[in-house]
Amino acid sequence: MSDLSAATWRKSSRSNNQGQCVEVADDLVGVVGVRDSKDVAGPVLMVGRAGWTAFVVGVKSGGFHR
């Protein structure tokens, strides 16, 4: 498990403070942390950098429509 004590968490600039957001810590070595902004002490999903990059590219290209 990665040490998250020094992680810098951020929300999307598009979150609009509506309370249904995730926070991302992308300053960790080799992984990206993702957590629910309403439960900052709760579980953290750890994603490999390559997987995170693929996810972000997919989102930006419109690959995840409902």
N, C-alpha and C. Protein backbone atom coordinates (compact mmCIF):
# COMPACT_ATOMS: atom_id res chain seq x y z
N MET A 1 0.85 -1.18 0.00
CA MET A 1 0.00 0.00 0.00
C MET A 1 0.89 1.24 0.00
N SER A 2 0.52 2.25 -0.72
CA SER A 2 1.27 3.49 -0.80
C SER A 2 0.99 4.37 0.42
N ASP A 3 2.02 5.11 0.82
CA ASP A 3 1.88 6.08 1.91
C ASP A 3 1.18 7.31 1.34
N LEU A 4 0.01 7.64 1.87
CA LEU A 4 -0.78 8.76 1.35
C LEU A 4 -0.67 10.01 2.22
N SER A 5 0.20 9.99 3.22
CA SER A 5 0.29 11.11 4.15
C SER A 5 0.76 12.40 3.48
N ALA A 6 1.54 12.30 2.42
CA ALA A 6 2.04 13.50 1.73
C ALA A 6 1.30 13.78 0.42
N ALA A 7 0.25 13.03 0.17
CA ALA A 7 -0.50 13.20 -1.09
C ALA A 7 -1.17 14.57 -1.14
N THR A 8 -1.18 15.15 -2.32
CA THR A 8 -1.89 16.41 -2.56
C THR A 8 -3.16 16.06 -3.33
N TRP A 9 -4.31 16.23 -2.69
CA TRP A 9 -5.59 15.88 -3.29
C TRP A 9 -6.20 17.09 -3.97
N ARG A 10 -6.84 16.87 -5.12
CA ARG A 10 -7.50 17.96 -5.83
C ARG A 10 -8.78 17.44 -6.47
N LYS A 11 -9.73 18.37 -6.63
CA LYS A 11 -10.98 18.07 -7.32
C LYS A 11 -10.91 18.65 -8.73
N SER A 12 -11.76 18.18 -9.59
CA SER A 12 -11.86 18.73 -10.92
C SER A 12 -12.33 20.17 -10.85
N SER A 13 -11.82 20.98 -11.74
CA SER A 13 -12.27 22.37 -11.81
C SER A 13 -13.72 22.46 -12.26
N ARG A 14 -14.26 21.36 -12.76
CA ARG A 14 -15.65 21.32 -13.22
C ARG A 14 -16.61 20.77 -12.17
N SER A 15 -16.13 20.57 -10.95
CA SER A 15 -16.96 19.94 -9.93
C SER A 15 -18.10 20.82 -9.44
N ASN A 16 -17.99 22.12 -9.53
CA ASN A 16 -19.05 23.06 -9.15
C ASN A 16 -19.52 22.89 -7.71
N ASN A 17 -18.74 22.29 -6.85
CA ASN A 17 -19.07 22.13 -5.43
C ASN A 17 -20.47 21.56 -5.19
N GLN A 18 -20.87 20.58 -5.99
CA GLN A 18 -22.18 19.96 -5.84
C GLN A 18 -22.15 18.73 -4.95
N GLY A 19 -20.99 18.40 -4.39
CA GLY A 19 -20.91 17.31 -3.44
C GLY A 19 -20.83 15.91 -4.01
N GLN A 20 -20.77 15.77 -5.31
CA GLN A 20 -20.69 14.45 -5.92
C GLN A 20 -19.41 14.37 -6.75
N CYS A 21 -18.30 14.51 -6.06
CA CYS A 21 -17.02 14.60 -6.75
C CYS A 21 -16.05 13.55 -6.26
N VAL A 22 -15.04 13.32 -7.04
CA VAL A 22 -13.91 12.53 -6.61
C VAL A 22 -12.71 13.46 -6.50
N GLU A 23 -11.77 13.05 -5.70
CA GLU A 23 -10.51 13.77 -5.60
C GLU A 23 -9.41 12.85 -6.12
N VAL A 24 -8.40 13.47 -6.70
CA VAL A 24 -7.29 12.73 -7.30
C VAL A 24 -5.99 13.21 -6.69
N ALA A 25 -5.12 12.28 -6.39
CA ALA A 25 -3.76 12.60 -5.96
C ALA A 25 -2.82 12.02 -7.03
N ASP A 26 -2.29 12.88 -7.86
CA ASP A 26 -1.42 12.40 -8.94
C ASP A 26 0.04 12.74 -8.70
N ASP A 27 0.39 13.02 -7.44
CA ASP A 27 1.78 13.32 -7.10
C ASP A 27 2.44 12.15 -6.35
N LEU A 28 1.87 10.97 -6.48
CA LEU A 28 2.40 9.78 -5.83
C LEU A 28 3.34 9.05 -6.80
N VAL A 29 4.24 8.25 -6.26
CA VAL A 29 5.21 7.53 -7.09
C VAL A 29 4.54 6.31 -7.72
N GLY A 30 4.42 6.30 -9.05
CA GLY A 30 3.95 5.14 -9.78
C GLY A 30 2.46 4.90 -9.81
N VAL A 31 1.69 5.60 -9.01
CA VAL A 31 0.24 5.38 -8.95
C VAL A 31 -0.49 6.71 -8.83
N VAL A 32 -1.80 6.64 -9.06
CA VAL A 32 -2.69 7.79 -8.87
C VAL A 32 -3.75 7.33 -7.87
N GLY A 33 -3.99 8.15 -6.86
CA GLY A 33 -5.02 7.84 -5.87
C GLY A 33 -6.33 8.53 -6.23
N VAL A 34 -7.43 7.85 -6.04
CA VAL A 34 -8.76 8.40 -6.32
C VAL A 34 -9.64 8.11 -5.11
N ARG A 35 -10.32 9.15 -4.60
CA ARG A 35 -11.19 8.96 -3.43
C ARG A 35 -12.45 9.81 -3.55
N ASP A 36 -13.45 9.45 -2.77
CA ASP A 36 -14.70 10.19 -2.70
C ASP A 36 -14.48 11.45 -1.89
N SER A 37 -14.80 12.60 -2.44
CA SER A 37 -14.56 13.87 -1.74
C SER A 37 -15.41 14.02 -0.49
N LYS A 38 -16.50 13.26 -0.38
CA LYS A 38 -17.36 13.33 0.80
C LYS A 38 -16.85 12.45 1.93
N ASP A 39 -15.90 11.56 1.64
CA ASP A 39 -15.39 10.61 2.63
C ASP A 39 -13.87 10.55 2.53
N VAL A 40 -13.23 11.65 2.91
CA VAL A 40 -11.78 11.74 2.73
C VAL A 40 -11.00 10.75 3.59
N ALA A 41 -11.61 10.22 4.63
CA ALA A 41 -10.95 9.21 5.46
C ALA A 41 -11.27 7.80 4.99
N GLY A 42 -12.09 7.70 3.96
CA GLY A 42 -12.53 6.39 3.46
C GLY A 42 -11.50 5.75 2.54
N PRO A 43 -11.93 4.72 1.84
CA PRO A 43 -11.01 3.98 0.98
C PRO A 43 -10.50 4.81 -0.19
N VAL A 44 -9.33 4.43 -0.67
CA VAL A 44 -8.69 5.08 -1.82
C VAL A 44 -8.45 4.02 -2.88
N LEU A 45 -8.88 4.31 -4.09
CA LEU A 45 -8.60 3.44 -5.23
C LEU A 45 -7.23 3.84 -5.77
N MET A 46 -6.32 2.90 -5.86
CA MET A 46 -4.98 3.17 -6.39
C MET A 46 -4.92 2.61 -7.82
N VAL A 47 -4.58 3.47 -8.76
CA VAL A 47 -4.56 3.12 -10.17
C VAL A 47 -3.15 3.33 -10.70
N GLY A 48 -2.66 2.40 -11.49
CA GLY A 48 -1.36 2.57 -12.11
C GLY A 48 -1.38 3.77 -13.06
N ARG A 49 -0.24 4.39 -13.25
CA ARG A 49 -0.17 5.59 -14.09
C ARG A 49 -0.64 5.33 -15.52
N ALA A 50 -0.27 4.21 -16.09
CA ALA A 50 -0.69 3.91 -17.46
C ALA A 50 -2.20 3.75 -17.56
N GLY A 51 -2.80 3.09 -16.57
CA GLY A 51 -4.25 2.92 -16.55
C GLY A 51 -4.96 4.25 -16.38
N TRP A 52 -4.42 5.11 -15.51
CA TRP A 52 -5.02 6.43 -15.29
C TRP A 52 -4.95 7.27 -16.57
N THR A 53 -3.79 7.24 -17.22
CA THR A 53 -3.62 7.99 -18.46
C THR A 53 -4.61 7.51 -19.52
N ALA A 54 -4.79 6.21 -19.64
CA ALA A 54 -5.75 5.66 -20.61
C ALA A 54 -7.18 6.10 -20.27
N PHE A 55 -7.52 6.12 -18.99
CA PHE A 55 -8.85 6.56 -18.56
C PHE A 55 -9.07 8.03 -18.93
N VAL A 56 -8.12 8.89 -18.62
CA VAL A 56 -8.25 10.32 -18.92
C VAL A 56 -8.36 10.55 -20.43
N VAL A 57 -7.56 9.85 -21.21
CA VAL A 57 -7.65 9.97 -22.67
C VAL A 57 -9.04 9.54 -23.15
N GLY A 58 -9.56 8.45 -22.59
CA GLY A 58 -10.89 7.98 -22.96
C GLY A 58 -11.98 8.99 -22.61
N VAL A 59 -11.89 9.59 -21.44
CA VAL A 59 -12.87 10.60 -21.04
C VAL A 59 -12.81 11.80 -21.99
N LYS A 60 -11.61 12.29 -22.25
CA LYS A 60 -11.45 13.47 -23.10
C LYS A 60 -11.89 13.23 -24.53
N SER A 61 -11.81 11.98 -24.98
CA SER A 61 -12.21 11.67 -26.36
C SER A 61 -13.68 11.32 -26.48
N GLY A 62 -14.41 11.32 -25.35
CA GLY A 62 -15.84 11.01 -25.38
C GLY A 62 -16.15 9.54 -25.38
N GLY A 63 -15.21 8.72 -24.95
CA GLY A 63 -15.37 7.27 -24.98
C GLY A 63 -16.26 6.68 -23.91
N PHE A 64 -16.78 7.50 -22.99
CA PHE A 64 -17.58 6.98 -21.89
C PHE A 64 -18.95 7.64 -21.85
N HIS A 65 -19.69 7.53 -22.92
CA HIS A 65 -21.06 8.08 -22.94
C HIS A 65 -22.00 7.13 -22.22
N ARG A 66 -23.05 7.68 -21.65
CA ARG A 66 -24.04 6.85 -20.97
C ARG A 66 -24.83 6.05 -21.96
